[in-house]
Amino acid sequence: MKTKKEIADQLIKNYADADVVSGEFYMHEKISISISINEKTVRQGIQMFLDWDDSDAKFDLQKGKKYWKIIDK
């Protein structure tokens, strides 16, 4: 099962390789849906990334067929 830390690490790695402002970054990310990941874990991983980035951004998730899409709140 994918952990919240693995999700946060994925976002941190992608952020380090990206040329974007942190507050806008996570909005363009997609987290793959699989049987080994649930919404709670995805939310916790995204929050870990936002805490790492010292961001007070709020988000919601939208479940698609293949990905969790991060939506600005």
N, C-alpha and C. Protein backbone atom coordinates (compact mmCIF):
# COMPACT_ATOMS: atom_id res chain seq x y z
N MET A 1 0.84 -1.18 0.00
CA MET A 1 0.00 0.00 0.00
C MET A 1 0.89 1.25 0.00
N LYS A 2 0.55 2.19 -0.82
CA LYS A 2 1.29 3.44 -0.88
C LYS A 2 0.98 4.24 0.37
N THR A 3 2.00 4.83 0.97
CA THR A 3 1.82 5.56 2.22
C THR A 3 1.73 7.07 1.98
N LYS A 4 1.24 7.77 2.99
CA LYS A 4 1.17 9.23 2.89
C LYS A 4 2.56 9.83 2.70
N LYS A 5 3.58 9.23 3.31
CA LYS A 5 4.94 9.73 3.14
C LYS A 5 5.40 9.58 1.70
N GLU A 6 5.05 8.48 1.05
CA GLU A 6 5.43 8.28 -0.35
C GLU A 6 4.74 9.31 -1.25
N ILE A 7 3.50 9.65 -0.93
CA ILE A 7 2.80 10.69 -1.70
C ILE A 7 3.47 12.04 -1.48
N ALA A 8 3.76 12.37 -0.22
CA ALA A 8 4.43 13.64 0.08
C ALA A 8 5.80 13.68 -0.60
N ASP A 9 6.55 12.59 -0.55
CA ASP A 9 7.86 12.54 -1.20
C ASP A 9 7.76 12.75 -2.71
N GLN A 10 6.71 12.15 -3.32
CA GLN A 10 6.49 12.34 -4.76
C GLN A 10 6.25 13.82 -5.07
N LEU A 11 5.42 14.48 -4.27
CA LEU A 11 5.12 15.89 -4.50
C LEU A 11 6.37 16.75 -4.27
N ILE A 12 7.13 16.44 -3.23
CA ILE A 12 8.36 17.20 -2.95
C ILE A 12 9.35 17.04 -4.08
N LYS A 13 9.54 15.82 -4.57
CA LYS A 13 10.47 15.58 -5.68
C LYS A 13 10.02 16.34 -6.93
N ASN A 14 8.73 16.25 -7.25
CA ASN A 14 8.22 16.95 -8.43
C ASN A 14 8.36 18.45 -8.27
N TYR A 15 8.12 18.96 -7.07
CA TYR A 15 8.24 20.38 -6.80
C TYR A 15 9.69 20.85 -6.96
N ALA A 16 10.63 20.04 -6.48
CA ALA A 16 12.05 20.40 -6.59
C ALA A 16 12.49 20.47 -8.05
N ASP A 17 11.86 19.68 -8.91
CA ASP A 17 12.20 19.65 -10.33
C ASP A 17 11.38 20.64 -11.16
N ALA A 18 10.43 21.33 -10.55
CA ALA A 18 9.52 22.20 -11.28
C ALA A 18 9.95 23.67 -11.18
N ASP A 19 9.52 24.43 -12.15
CA ASP A 19 9.79 25.87 -12.18
C ASP A 19 8.46 26.60 -11.98
N VAL A 20 7.89 26.43 -10.78
CA VAL A 20 6.60 27.05 -10.47
C VAL A 20 6.62 27.59 -9.05
N VAL A 21 5.65 28.42 -8.77
CA VAL A 21 5.47 28.95 -7.41
C VAL A 21 4.80 27.86 -6.58
N SER A 22 5.23 27.69 -5.36
CA SER A 22 4.73 26.58 -4.53
C SER A 22 3.22 26.57 -4.39
N GLY A 23 2.60 27.71 -4.20
CA GLY A 23 1.16 27.76 -4.03
C GLY A 23 0.40 27.27 -5.25
N GLU A 24 1.00 27.35 -6.41
CA GLU A 24 0.35 26.89 -7.64
C GLU A 24 0.73 25.46 -7.98
N PHE A 25 1.83 25.00 -7.46
CA PHE A 25 2.38 23.71 -7.86
C PHE A 25 1.42 22.54 -7.68
N TYR A 26 0.94 22.38 -6.46
CA TYR A 26 0.19 21.16 -6.16
C TYR A 26 -1.12 21.07 -6.94
N MET A 27 -1.62 22.18 -7.45
CA MET A 27 -2.86 22.19 -8.21
C MET A 27 -2.73 21.43 -9.53
N HIS A 28 -1.52 21.29 -10.04
CA HIS A 28 -1.31 20.63 -11.32
C HIS A 28 -0.91 19.17 -11.16
N GLU A 29 -0.83 18.71 -9.95
CA GLU A 29 -0.43 17.33 -9.69
C GLU A 29 -1.62 16.40 -9.77
N LYS A 30 -1.35 15.18 -10.17
CA LYS A 30 -2.35 14.12 -10.16
C LYS A 30 -1.75 12.94 -9.42
N ILE A 31 -2.54 12.31 -8.60
CA ILE A 31 -2.11 11.13 -7.86
C ILE A 31 -2.85 9.93 -8.44
N SER A 32 -2.11 8.97 -8.91
CA SER A 32 -2.70 7.80 -9.54
C SER A 32 -3.60 7.04 -8.57
N ILE A 33 -4.75 6.64 -9.06
CA ILE A 33 -5.68 5.83 -8.27
C ILE A 33 -5.32 4.37 -8.48
N SER A 34 -5.25 3.67 -7.39
CA SER A 34 -5.03 2.23 -7.47
C SER A 34 -5.71 1.60 -6.27
N ILE A 35 -5.80 0.30 -6.26
CA ILE A 35 -6.46 -0.36 -5.14
C ILE A 35 -5.64 -0.23 -3.85
N SER A 36 -4.40 0.18 -3.98
CA SER A 36 -3.54 0.26 -2.79
C SER A 36 -3.47 1.66 -2.20
N ILE A 37 -4.38 2.54 -2.57
CA ILE A 37 -4.36 3.90 -2.03
C ILE A 37 -5.80 4.38 -1.84
N ASN A 38 -6.05 5.03 -0.71
CA ASN A 38 -7.40 5.54 -0.48
C ASN A 38 -7.36 7.06 -0.30
N GLU A 39 -8.53 7.67 -0.29
CA GLU A 39 -8.63 9.12 -0.23
C GLU A 39 -7.98 9.70 1.03
N LYS A 40 -8.16 9.05 2.15
CA LYS A 40 -7.58 9.54 3.41
C LYS A 40 -6.06 9.62 3.30
N THR A 41 -5.44 8.58 2.75
CA THR A 41 -3.99 8.56 2.59
C THR A 41 -3.52 9.65 1.64
N VAL A 42 -4.26 9.85 0.54
CA VAL A 42 -3.91 10.90 -0.42
C VAL A 42 -3.98 12.26 0.26
N ARG A 43 -5.06 12.51 0.99
CA ARG A 43 -5.21 13.80 1.70
C ARG A 43 -4.06 14.02 2.69
N GLN A 44 -3.73 12.99 3.44
CA GLN A 44 -2.65 13.12 4.43
C GLN A 44 -1.31 13.38 3.75
N GLY A 45 -1.05 12.74 2.63
CA GLY A 45 0.20 12.95 1.90
C GLY A 45 0.30 14.36 1.35
N ILE A 46 -0.80 14.86 0.80
CA ILE A 46 -0.81 16.24 0.28
C ILE A 46 -0.59 17.22 1.42
N GLN A 47 -1.24 16.98 2.56
CA GLN A 47 -1.06 17.87 3.70
C GLN A 47 0.37 17.84 4.20
N MET A 48 1.00 16.67 4.21
CA MET A 48 2.41 16.59 4.60
C MET A 48 3.27 17.45 3.67
N PHE A 49 2.99 17.42 2.37
CA PHE A 49 3.73 18.26 1.43
C PHE A 49 3.49 19.74 1.75
N LEU A 50 2.24 20.13 1.96
CA LEU A 50 1.94 21.53 2.25
C LEU A 50 2.59 21.97 3.55
N ASP A 51 2.63 21.10 4.55
CA ASP A 51 3.32 21.42 5.81
C ASP A 51 4.82 21.59 5.57
N TRP A 52 5.40 20.71 4.76
CA TRP A 52 6.83 20.80 4.42
C TRP A 52 7.13 22.12 3.73
N ASP A 53 6.19 22.56 2.90
CA ASP A 53 6.36 23.80 2.13
C ASP A 53 5.92 25.04 2.92
N ASP A 54 5.53 24.86 4.17
CA ASP A 54 5.02 25.95 5.01
C ASP A 54 3.87 26.70 4.33
N SER A 55 3.03 25.95 3.63
CA SER A 55 1.90 26.54 2.91
C SER A 55 0.63 26.38 3.73
N ASP A 56 -0.20 27.42 3.71
CA ASP A 56 -1.49 27.33 4.38
C ASP A 56 -2.61 27.11 3.36
N ALA A 57 -2.24 26.67 2.17
CA ALA A 57 -3.21 26.42 1.11
C ALA A 57 -4.21 25.35 1.53
N LYS A 58 -5.43 25.49 1.05
CA LYS A 58 -6.50 24.51 1.31
C LYS A 58 -6.80 23.81 -0.01
N PHE A 59 -7.20 22.55 0.08
CA PHE A 59 -7.45 21.79 -1.13
C PHE A 59 -8.60 20.82 -0.93
N ASP A 60 -9.10 20.33 -2.03
CA ASP A 60 -10.07 19.25 -2.02
C ASP A 60 -9.62 18.27 -3.08
N LEU A 61 -10.23 17.11 -3.11
CA LEU A 61 -9.88 16.09 -4.10
C LEU A 61 -11.09 15.75 -4.94
N GLN A 62 -10.83 15.47 -6.20
CA GLN A 62 -11.86 14.98 -7.10
C GLN A 62 -11.38 13.65 -7.66
N LYS A 63 -12.19 12.63 -7.53
CA LYS A 63 -11.80 11.30 -7.99
C LYS A 63 -12.17 11.14 -9.47
N GLY A 64 -11.17 10.85 -10.27
CA GLY A 64 -11.40 10.55 -11.66
C GLY A 64 -11.29 9.06 -11.88
N LYS A 65 -11.20 8.65 -13.14
CA LYS A 65 -11.09 7.22 -13.43
C LYS A 65 -9.70 6.68 -13.13
N LYS A 66 -8.67 7.51 -13.33
CA LYS A 66 -7.29 7.03 -13.14
C LYS A 66 -6.50 7.82 -12.11
N TYR A 67 -6.97 9.03 -11.76
CA TYR A 67 -6.19 9.90 -10.89
C TYR A 67 -7.07 10.61 -9.88
N TRP A 68 -6.46 10.96 -8.74
CA TRP A 68 -7.03 11.93 -7.82
C TRP A 68 -6.57 13.29 -8.33
N LYS A 69 -7.50 14.19 -8.56
CA LYS A 69 -7.17 15.54 -9.01
C LYS A 69 -7.29 16.48 -7.81
N ILE A 70 -6.27 17.29 -7.61
CA ILE A 70 -6.25 18.23 -6.48
C ILE A 70 -6.94 19.51 -6.92
N ILE A 71 -7.90 19.97 -6.13
CA ILE A 71 -8.68 21.16 -6.45
C ILE A 71 -8.45 22.21 -5.37
N ASP A 72 -8.29 23.46 -5.78
CA ASP A 72 -8.11 24.57 -4.85
C ASP A 72 -9.44 24.83 -4.13
N LYS A 73 -9.34 25.15 -2.85
CA LYS A 73 -10.52 25.47 -2.06
C LYS A 73 -10.61 26.95 -1.80
